[in-house]
């Protein structure tokens, strides 16, 4: 479910990006990138969940819990993504210095935009997750799958 949520989120962003670039006469469509990125980030999120990352805030205000966990997982995903890029570069035989330089490529503004995009994508995910924890096991699923009044 994490993978599917992330894939849909990234695919929508890529669809928007391709529509904007197409208006400027630039062909773009990297849906395979969205698939791979979602798969990798879902794996990292599962590791974060297994480590019970951010769960010490249980019992606090819901919005604090949601914002904090989304920010924490955003930092986790950014860190693991950078490490993954370095490992891939090393596996392809690139020198360590080149792998580190590849992680630093791109502007600070671009990195901030990516971090903000990840955080915004994670907000509804953790909003529903925390709400489900408060309501109890299976209750959120029951509410969503029941007929509306």
N, C-alpha and C. Protein backbone atom coordinates (compact mmCIF):
# COMPACT_ATOMS: atom_id res chain seq x y z
N UNK A 1 0.83 -1.20 0.00
CA UNK A 1 0.00 0.00 0.00
C UNK A 1 0.87 1.26 0.00
N UNK A 2 1.99 1.22 0.74
CA UNK A 2 2.89 2.37 0.76
C UNK A 2 3.43 2.62 -0.64
N UNK A 3 3.86 1.55 -1.30
CA UNK A 3 4.39 1.69 -2.67
C UNK A 3 3.34 2.29 -3.60
N UNK A 4 2.12 1.78 -3.54
CA UNK A 4 1.06 2.26 -4.42
C UNK A 4 0.79 3.74 -4.17
N UNK A 5 0.71 4.13 -2.92
CA UNK A 5 0.48 5.54 -2.59
C UNK A 5 1.61 6.42 -3.14
N UNK A 6 2.85 6.00 -2.91
CA UNK A 6 3.99 6.79 -3.38
C UNK A 6 4.05 6.82 -4.90
N UNK A 7 3.77 5.69 -5.54
CA UNK A 7 3.81 5.65 -7.01
C UNK A 7 2.78 6.59 -7.61
N UNK A 8 1.57 6.56 -7.11
CA UNK A 8 0.52 7.46 -7.62
C UNK A 8 0.95 8.92 -7.40
N UNK A 9 1.48 9.22 -6.23
CA UNK A 9 1.92 10.59 -5.93
C UNK A 9 3.00 11.05 -6.90
N UNK A 10 4.03 10.22 -7.08
CA UNK A 10 5.13 10.60 -7.98
C UNK A 10 4.66 10.65 -9.43
N UNK A 11 3.80 9.73 -9.83
CA UNK A 11 3.30 9.72 -11.21
C UNK A 11 2.50 10.99 -11.50
N UNK A 12 1.72 11.46 -10.55
CA UNK A 12 0.96 12.69 -10.74
C UNK A 12 1.90 13.89 -10.89
N UNK A 13 2.94 13.93 -10.07
CA UNK A 13 3.93 15.02 -10.17
C UNK A 13 4.62 14.97 -11.53
N UNK A 14 4.99 13.79 -11.98
CA UNK A 14 5.65 13.65 -13.29
C UNK A 14 4.69 14.02 -14.41
N UNK A 15 3.43 13.64 -14.28
CA UNK A 15 2.42 14.02 -15.29
C UNK A 15 2.31 15.54 -15.39
N UNK A 16 2.27 16.21 -14.25
CA UNK A 16 2.21 17.67 -14.23
C UNK A 16 3.47 18.26 -14.86
N UNK A 17 4.61 17.74 -14.46
CA UNK A 17 5.88 18.24 -15.00
C UNK A 17 5.95 18.05 -16.51
N UNK A 18 5.51 16.89 -17.01
CA UNK A 18 5.54 16.65 -18.45
C UNK A 18 4.56 17.56 -19.18
N UNK A 19 3.41 17.87 -18.57
CA UNK A 19 2.45 18.78 -19.20
C UNK A 19 3.03 20.18 -19.31
N UNK A 20 3.71 20.64 -18.27
CA UNK A 20 4.33 21.97 -18.29
C UNK A 20 5.45 22.02 -19.32
N UNK A 21 6.30 20.98 -19.33
CA UNK A 21 7.41 20.96 -20.28
C UNK A 21 6.92 20.81 -21.72
N UNK A 22 5.85 20.04 -21.92
CA UNK A 22 5.30 19.86 -23.26
C UNK A 22 4.79 21.18 -23.81
N UNK A 23 4.22 22.02 -22.95
CA UNK A 23 3.75 23.34 -23.37
C UNK A 23 4.91 24.19 -23.88
N UNK A 24 6.12 23.88 -23.42
CA UNK A 24 7.32 24.60 -23.86
C UNK A 24 8.03 23.86 -24.99
N UNK A 25 7.43 22.77 -25.47
CA UNK A 25 8.01 22.01 -26.58
C UNK A 25 9.08 21.02 -26.16
N UNK A 26 9.09 20.63 -24.88
CA UNK A 26 10.09 19.69 -24.38
C UNK A 26 9.38 18.38 -24.03
N UNK A 27 9.83 17.29 -24.64
CA UNK A 27 9.24 15.98 -24.37
C UNK A 27 9.79 15.44 -23.05
N UNK A 28 8.91 14.96 -22.19
CA UNK A 28 9.33 14.41 -20.90
C UNK A 28 8.27 13.45 -20.42
N UNK A 29 8.68 12.33 -19.89
CA UNK A 29 7.76 11.37 -19.31
C UNK A 29 8.53 10.23 -18.69
N UNK A 30 8.87 10.34 -17.44
CA UNK A 30 9.71 9.36 -16.76
C UNK A 30 8.90 8.56 -15.75
N UNK A 31 7.86 7.87 -16.22
CA UNK A 31 7.01 7.13 -15.29
C UNK A 31 7.73 5.92 -14.71
N UNK A 32 8.71 5.40 -15.43
CA UNK A 32 9.54 4.33 -14.90
C UNK A 32 10.32 4.80 -13.68
N UNK A 33 10.76 6.06 -13.73
CA UNK A 33 11.45 6.67 -12.59
C UNK A 33 10.53 6.70 -11.38
N UNK A 34 9.27 7.07 -11.60
CA UNK A 34 8.29 7.13 -10.50
C UNK A 34 8.11 5.75 -9.89
N UNK A 35 8.07 4.73 -10.73
CA UNK A 35 7.90 3.35 -10.26
C UNK A 35 9.08 2.92 -9.38
N UNK A 36 10.29 3.12 -9.90
CA UNK A 36 11.50 2.71 -9.17
C UNK A 36 11.65 3.52 -7.87
N UNK A 37 11.45 4.85 -7.97
CA UNK A 37 11.59 5.71 -6.79
C UNK A 37 10.58 5.31 -5.72
N UNK A 38 9.34 5.04 -6.12
CA UNK A 38 8.31 4.64 -5.16
C UNK A 38 8.67 3.31 -4.50
N UNK A 39 9.20 2.40 -5.29
CA UNK A 39 9.58 1.09 -4.75
C UNK A 39 10.70 1.23 -3.71
N UNK A 40 11.71 2.02 -4.04
CA UNK A 40 12.85 2.21 -3.14
C UNK A 40 12.41 2.95 -1.87
N UNK A 41 11.64 4.04 -2.03
CA UNK A 41 11.22 4.82 -0.87
C UNK A 41 10.26 4.04 0.01
N UNK A 42 9.41 3.21 -0.59
CA UNK A 42 8.50 2.37 0.21
C UNK A 42 9.31 1.41 1.08
N UNK A 43 10.39 0.89 0.52
CA UNK A 43 11.27 -0.01 1.29
C UNK A 43 11.87 0.76 2.48
N UNK A 44 12.33 1.98 2.24
CA UNK A 44 12.91 2.78 3.31
C UNK A 44 11.85 3.14 4.36
N UNK A 45 10.63 3.40 3.92
CA UNK A 45 9.55 3.71 4.88
C UNK A 45 9.24 2.51 5.75
N UNK A 46 9.26 1.33 5.15
CA UNK A 46 9.00 0.13 5.93
C UNK A 46 10.09 -0.07 6.99
N UNK A 47 11.33 0.26 6.64
CA UNK A 47 12.41 0.20 7.63
C UNK A 47 12.17 1.20 8.76
N UNK A 48 11.71 2.40 8.41
CA UNK A 48 11.39 3.40 9.42
C UNK A 48 10.27 2.95 10.33
N UNK A 49 9.25 2.33 9.74
CA UNK A 49 8.14 1.81 10.56
C UNK A 49 8.62 0.68 11.46
N UNK A 50 9.47 -0.19 10.92
CA UNK A 50 9.99 -1.30 11.72
C UNK A 50 10.83 -0.78 12.90
N UNK A 51 11.50 0.35 12.69
CA UNK A 51 12.30 0.95 13.76
C UNK A 51 11.43 1.81 14.69
N UNK A 52 10.13 1.84 14.41
CA UNK A 52 9.16 2.60 15.21
C UNK A 52 9.54 4.08 15.28
N UNK A 53 10.02 4.59 14.15
CA UNK A 53 10.45 5.98 14.04
C UNK A 53 9.28 6.93 14.23
N UNK A 54 9.41 7.86 15.14
CA UNK A 54 8.40 8.89 15.38
C UNK A 54 7.24 8.47 16.25
N UNK A 55 7.25 7.26 16.76
CA UNK A 55 6.12 6.79 17.55
C UNK A 55 6.15 7.26 19.00
N UNK A 56 7.20 7.93 19.40
CA UNK A 56 7.27 8.40 20.79
C UNK A 56 6.32 9.57 21.04
N UNK A 57 5.74 10.11 19.98
CA UNK A 57 4.81 11.24 20.13
C UNK A 57 3.37 10.80 20.35
N UNK A 58 3.14 9.52 20.47
CA UNK A 58 1.76 9.06 20.71
C UNK A 58 1.24 9.73 21.97
N UNK A 59 0.00 10.13 21.93
CA UNK A 59 -0.60 10.79 23.07
C UNK A 59 -0.53 12.31 22.95
N UNK A 60 0.20 12.82 21.98
CA UNK A 60 0.27 14.26 21.75
C UNK A 60 -0.86 14.67 20.81
N UNK A 61 -0.98 15.94 20.57
CA UNK A 61 -1.99 16.43 19.62
C UNK A 61 -1.76 15.77 18.25
N UNK A 62 -2.86 15.42 17.59
CA UNK A 62 -2.75 14.69 16.33
C UNK A 62 -1.95 15.45 15.29
N UNK A 63 -2.21 16.76 15.15
CA UNK A 63 -1.51 17.50 14.10
C UNK A 63 -0.01 17.56 14.38
N UNK A 64 0.39 17.60 15.64
CA UNK A 64 1.81 17.61 15.99
C UNK A 64 2.42 16.26 15.60
N UNK A 65 1.74 15.20 15.91
CA UNK A 65 2.19 13.85 15.58
C UNK A 65 2.34 13.69 14.07
N UNK A 66 1.34 14.14 13.32
CA UNK A 66 1.36 14.00 11.86
C UNK A 66 2.49 14.82 11.26
N UNK A 67 2.61 16.10 11.63
CA UNK A 67 3.63 16.98 11.07
C UNK A 67 5.03 16.46 11.41
N UNK A 68 5.21 16.03 12.66
CA UNK A 68 6.51 15.55 13.11
C UNK A 68 6.91 14.27 12.39
N UNK A 69 6.00 13.31 12.31
CA UNK A 69 6.32 12.04 11.66
C UNK A 69 6.58 12.23 10.18
N UNK A 70 5.79 13.10 9.53
CA UNK A 70 6.02 13.36 8.11
C UNK A 70 7.40 13.99 7.91
N UNK A 71 7.78 14.93 8.78
CA UNK A 71 9.09 15.57 8.67
C UNK A 71 10.21 14.57 8.95
N UNK A 72 10.03 13.74 9.95
CA UNK A 72 11.04 12.75 10.31
C UNK A 72 11.26 11.76 9.18
N UNK A 73 10.17 11.26 8.60
CA UNK A 73 10.28 10.32 7.50
C UNK A 73 10.82 11.00 6.23
N UNK A 74 10.50 12.28 6.04
CA UNK A 74 11.05 13.02 4.91
C UNK A 74 12.57 13.06 5.03
N UNK A 75 13.08 13.35 6.23
CA UNK A 75 14.53 13.37 6.45
C UNK A 75 15.13 11.98 6.24
N UNK A 76 14.45 10.95 6.74
CA UNK A 76 14.91 9.58 6.56
C UNK A 76 15.00 9.23 5.08
N UNK A 77 13.94 9.54 4.32
CA UNK A 77 13.91 9.22 2.90
C UNK A 77 14.98 9.98 2.13
N UNK A 78 15.19 11.24 2.48
CA UNK A 78 16.23 12.03 1.80
C UNK A 78 17.61 11.43 2.10
N UNK A 79 17.86 11.10 3.35
CA UNK A 79 19.17 10.53 3.73
C UNK A 79 19.41 9.19 3.03
N UNK A 80 18.43 8.30 3.08
CA UNK A 80 18.59 7.00 2.43
C UNK A 80 18.70 7.14 0.92
N UNK A 81 18.01 8.09 0.33
CA UNK A 81 18.10 8.31 -1.12
C UNK A 81 19.52 8.74 -1.50
N UNK A 82 20.11 9.60 -0.70
CA UNK A 82 21.48 10.04 -0.98
C UNK A 82 22.46 8.89 -0.83
N UNK A 83 22.28 8.08 0.20
CA UNK A 83 23.15 6.92 0.41
C UNK A 83 22.98 5.93 -0.75
N UNK A 84 21.74 5.73 -1.16
CA UNK A 84 21.46 4.81 -2.26
C UNK A 84 22.14 5.29 -3.55
N UNK A 85 22.08 6.58 -3.84
CA UNK A 85 22.73 7.12 -5.04
C UNK A 85 24.24 6.87 -4.98
N UNK A 86 24.83 7.04 -3.82
CA UNK A 86 26.27 6.82 -3.67
C UNK A 86 26.62 5.35 -3.89
N UNK A 87 25.81 4.44 -3.32
CA UNK A 87 26.07 3.01 -3.46
C UNK A 87 25.92 2.58 -4.92
N UNK A 88 24.89 3.09 -5.60
CA UNK A 88 24.68 2.75 -7.02
C UNK A 88 25.87 3.24 -7.84
N UNK A 89 26.33 4.45 -7.56
CA UNK A 89 27.49 4.99 -8.29
C UNK A 89 28.71 4.10 -8.06
N UNK A 90 28.92 3.67 -6.82
CA UNK A 90 30.06 2.81 -6.51
C UNK A 90 29.93 1.44 -7.18
N UNK A 91 28.70 0.90 -7.22
CA UNK A 91 28.48 -0.39 -7.88
C UNK A 91 28.74 -0.32 -9.38
N UNK A 92 28.52 0.87 -9.95
CA UNK A 92 28.78 1.05 -11.38
C UNK A 92 30.24 1.41 -11.65
N UNK A 93 31.08 1.32 -10.61
CA UNK A 93 32.50 1.54 -10.78
C UNK A 93 32.95 2.98 -10.76
N UNK A 94 32.08 3.89 -10.37
CA UNK A 94 32.47 5.29 -10.28
C UNK A 94 33.26 5.51 -9.00
N UNK A 95 34.24 6.40 -9.02
CA UNK A 95 35.02 6.67 -7.80
C UNK A 95 34.14 7.26 -6.69
N UNK A 96 34.57 7.06 -5.44
CA UNK A 96 33.82 7.56 -4.29
C UNK A 96 33.58 9.05 -4.38
N UNK A 97 34.59 9.81 -4.79
CA UNK A 97 34.46 11.27 -4.90
C UNK A 97 33.37 11.63 -5.91
N UNK A 98 33.31 10.89 -7.00
CA UNK A 98 32.27 11.16 -8.00
C UNK A 98 30.88 10.82 -7.46
N UNK A 99 30.78 9.76 -6.67
CA UNK A 99 29.50 9.39 -6.07
C UNK A 99 29.02 10.47 -5.12
N UNK A 100 29.94 11.00 -4.34
CA UNK A 100 29.58 12.07 -3.40
C UNK A 100 29.20 13.34 -4.17
N UNK A 101 29.92 13.65 -5.23
CA UNK A 101 29.61 14.82 -6.04
C UNK A 101 28.23 14.67 -6.70
N UNK A 102 27.88 13.45 -7.12
CA UNK A 102 26.57 13.20 -7.73
C UNK A 102 25.44 13.48 -6.75
N UNK A 103 25.69 13.16 -5.46
CA UNK A 103 24.68 13.43 -4.43
C UNK A 103 24.48 14.93 -4.25
N UNK A 104 25.54 15.70 -4.42
CA UNK A 104 25.48 17.14 -4.18
C UNK A 104 25.03 17.91 -5.42
N UNK A 105 24.94 17.22 -6.58
CA UNK A 105 24.52 17.92 -7.80
C UNK A 105 23.12 18.49 -7.65
N UNK A 106 22.86 19.55 -8.37
CA UNK A 106 21.57 20.20 -8.29
C UNK A 106 21.64 21.36 -7.31
N UNK A 107 20.75 22.26 -7.47
CA UNK A 107 20.77 23.46 -6.63
C UNK A 107 20.17 23.17 -5.26
N UNK A 108 20.50 24.04 -4.34
CA UNK A 108 19.92 23.96 -3.00
C UNK A 108 18.41 24.13 -3.09
N UNK A 109 17.99 25.02 -3.97
CA UNK A 109 16.56 25.24 -4.17
C UNK A 109 15.86 23.97 -4.64
N UNK A 110 16.51 23.23 -5.54
CA UNK A 110 15.94 21.98 -6.04
C UNK A 110 15.83 20.95 -4.92
N UNK A 111 16.86 20.84 -4.09
CA UNK A 111 16.82 19.90 -2.97
C UNK A 111 15.73 20.27 -1.98
N UNK A 112 15.59 21.57 -1.70
CA UNK A 112 14.55 22.03 -0.80
C UNK A 112 13.16 21.73 -1.38
N UNK A 113 13.00 21.95 -2.69
CA UNK A 113 11.72 21.67 -3.34
C UNK A 113 11.39 20.18 -3.26
N UNK A 114 12.39 19.32 -3.46
CA UNK A 114 12.18 17.88 -3.36
C UNK A 114 11.79 17.49 -1.93
N UNK A 115 12.48 18.07 -0.96
CA UNK A 115 12.16 17.78 0.45
C UNK A 115 10.74 18.23 0.77
N UNK A 116 10.37 19.41 0.32
CA UNK A 116 9.02 19.93 0.57
C UNK A 116 7.97 19.06 -0.12
N UNK A 117 8.26 18.62 -1.34
CA UNK A 117 7.34 17.73 -2.06
C UNK A 117 7.16 16.42 -1.30
N UNK A 118 8.25 15.84 -0.83
CA UNK A 118 8.15 14.61 -0.03
C UNK A 118 7.31 14.82 1.22
N UNK A 119 7.55 15.93 1.91
CA UNK A 119 6.82 16.22 3.13
C UNK A 119 5.32 16.35 2.85
N UNK A 120 4.97 17.04 1.78
CA UNK A 120 3.56 17.23 1.43
C UNK A 120 2.92 15.90 1.02
N UNK A 121 3.67 15.04 0.36
CA UNK A 121 3.16 13.72 0.00
C UNK A 121 2.95 12.87 1.26
N UNK A 122 3.84 13.02 2.23
CA UNK A 122 3.75 12.21 3.45
C UNK A 122 2.69 12.69 4.43
N UNK A 123 2.28 13.95 4.36
CA UNK A 123 1.28 14.48 5.30
C UNK A 123 -0.03 13.68 5.28
N UNK A 124 -0.68 13.50 4.12
CA UNK A 124 -1.94 12.72 4.16
C UNK A 124 -1.71 11.27 4.57
N UNK A 125 -0.58 10.71 4.16
CA UNK A 125 -0.27 9.33 4.55
C UNK A 125 -0.23 9.20 6.07
N UNK A 126 0.53 10.08 6.73
CA UNK A 126 0.62 10.00 8.18
C UNK A 126 -0.64 10.51 8.86
N UNK A 127 -1.36 11.41 8.22
CA UNK A 127 -2.64 11.84 8.76
C UNK A 127 -3.59 10.66 8.92
N UNK A 128 -3.70 9.87 7.88
CA UNK A 128 -4.57 8.69 7.93
C UNK A 128 -4.00 7.61 8.85
N UNK A 129 -2.70 7.45 8.82
CA UNK A 129 -2.07 6.43 9.67
C UNK A 129 -2.28 6.74 11.16
N UNK A 130 -2.04 7.99 11.55
CA UNK A 130 -2.21 8.39 12.95
C UNK A 130 -3.68 8.32 13.34
N UNK A 131 -4.56 8.76 12.46
CA UNK A 131 -5.99 8.68 12.73
C UNK A 131 -6.42 7.22 12.93
N UNK A 132 -5.88 6.33 12.10
CA UNK A 132 -6.17 4.91 12.24
C UNK A 132 -5.67 4.35 13.57
N UNK A 133 -4.51 4.83 14.02
CA UNK A 133 -3.99 4.39 15.32
C UNK A 133 -4.90 4.85 16.46
N UNK A 134 -5.43 6.06 16.35
CA UNK A 134 -6.30 6.60 17.39
C UNK A 134 -7.63 5.87 17.42
N UNK A 135 -8.18 5.60 16.23
CA UNK A 135 -9.48 4.94 16.16
C UNK A 135 -9.43 3.47 16.56
N UNK A 136 -8.29 2.84 16.36
CA UNK A 136 -8.16 1.42 16.70
C UNK A 136 -8.01 0.57 15.45
N UNK A 137 -7.45 -0.61 15.64
CA UNK A 137 -7.14 -1.50 14.53
C UNK A 137 -8.38 -1.83 13.70
N UNK A 138 -8.29 -1.57 12.41
CA UNK A 138 -9.35 -1.90 11.47
C UNK A 138 -10.51 -0.91 11.40
N UNK A 139 -10.56 0.03 12.32
CA UNK A 139 -11.71 0.96 12.38
C UNK A 139 -11.71 1.93 11.20
N UNK A 140 -10.57 2.47 10.84
CA UNK A 140 -10.48 3.40 9.71
C UNK A 140 -10.88 2.69 8.42
N UNK A 141 -10.41 1.48 8.25
CA UNK A 141 -10.77 0.68 7.08
C UNK A 141 -12.28 0.45 7.03
N UNK A 142 -12.86 0.12 8.18
CA UNK A 142 -14.30 -0.10 8.25
C UNK A 142 -15.06 1.17 7.87
N UNK A 143 -14.59 2.31 8.37
CA UNK A 143 -15.26 3.59 8.06
C UNK A 143 -15.19 3.90 6.59
N UNK A 144 -14.02 3.71 5.97
CA UNK A 144 -13.85 4.02 4.56
C UNK A 144 -14.60 3.07 3.64
N UNK A 145 -14.75 1.83 4.08
CA UNK A 145 -15.40 0.84 3.21
C UNK A 145 -16.90 0.71 3.45
N UNK A 146 -17.43 1.40 4.48
CA UNK A 146 -18.86 1.33 4.73
C UNK A 146 -19.59 2.32 3.81
N UNK A 147 -20.85 2.10 3.64
CA UNK A 147 -21.65 2.99 2.80
C UNK A 147 -21.87 4.31 3.50
N UNK A 148 -21.79 5.39 2.73
CA UNK A 148 -22.01 6.72 3.31
C UNK A 148 -23.50 6.91 3.56
N UNK A 149 -23.81 7.66 4.59
CA UNK A 149 -25.21 7.89 4.95
C UNK A 149 -25.85 8.90 4.04
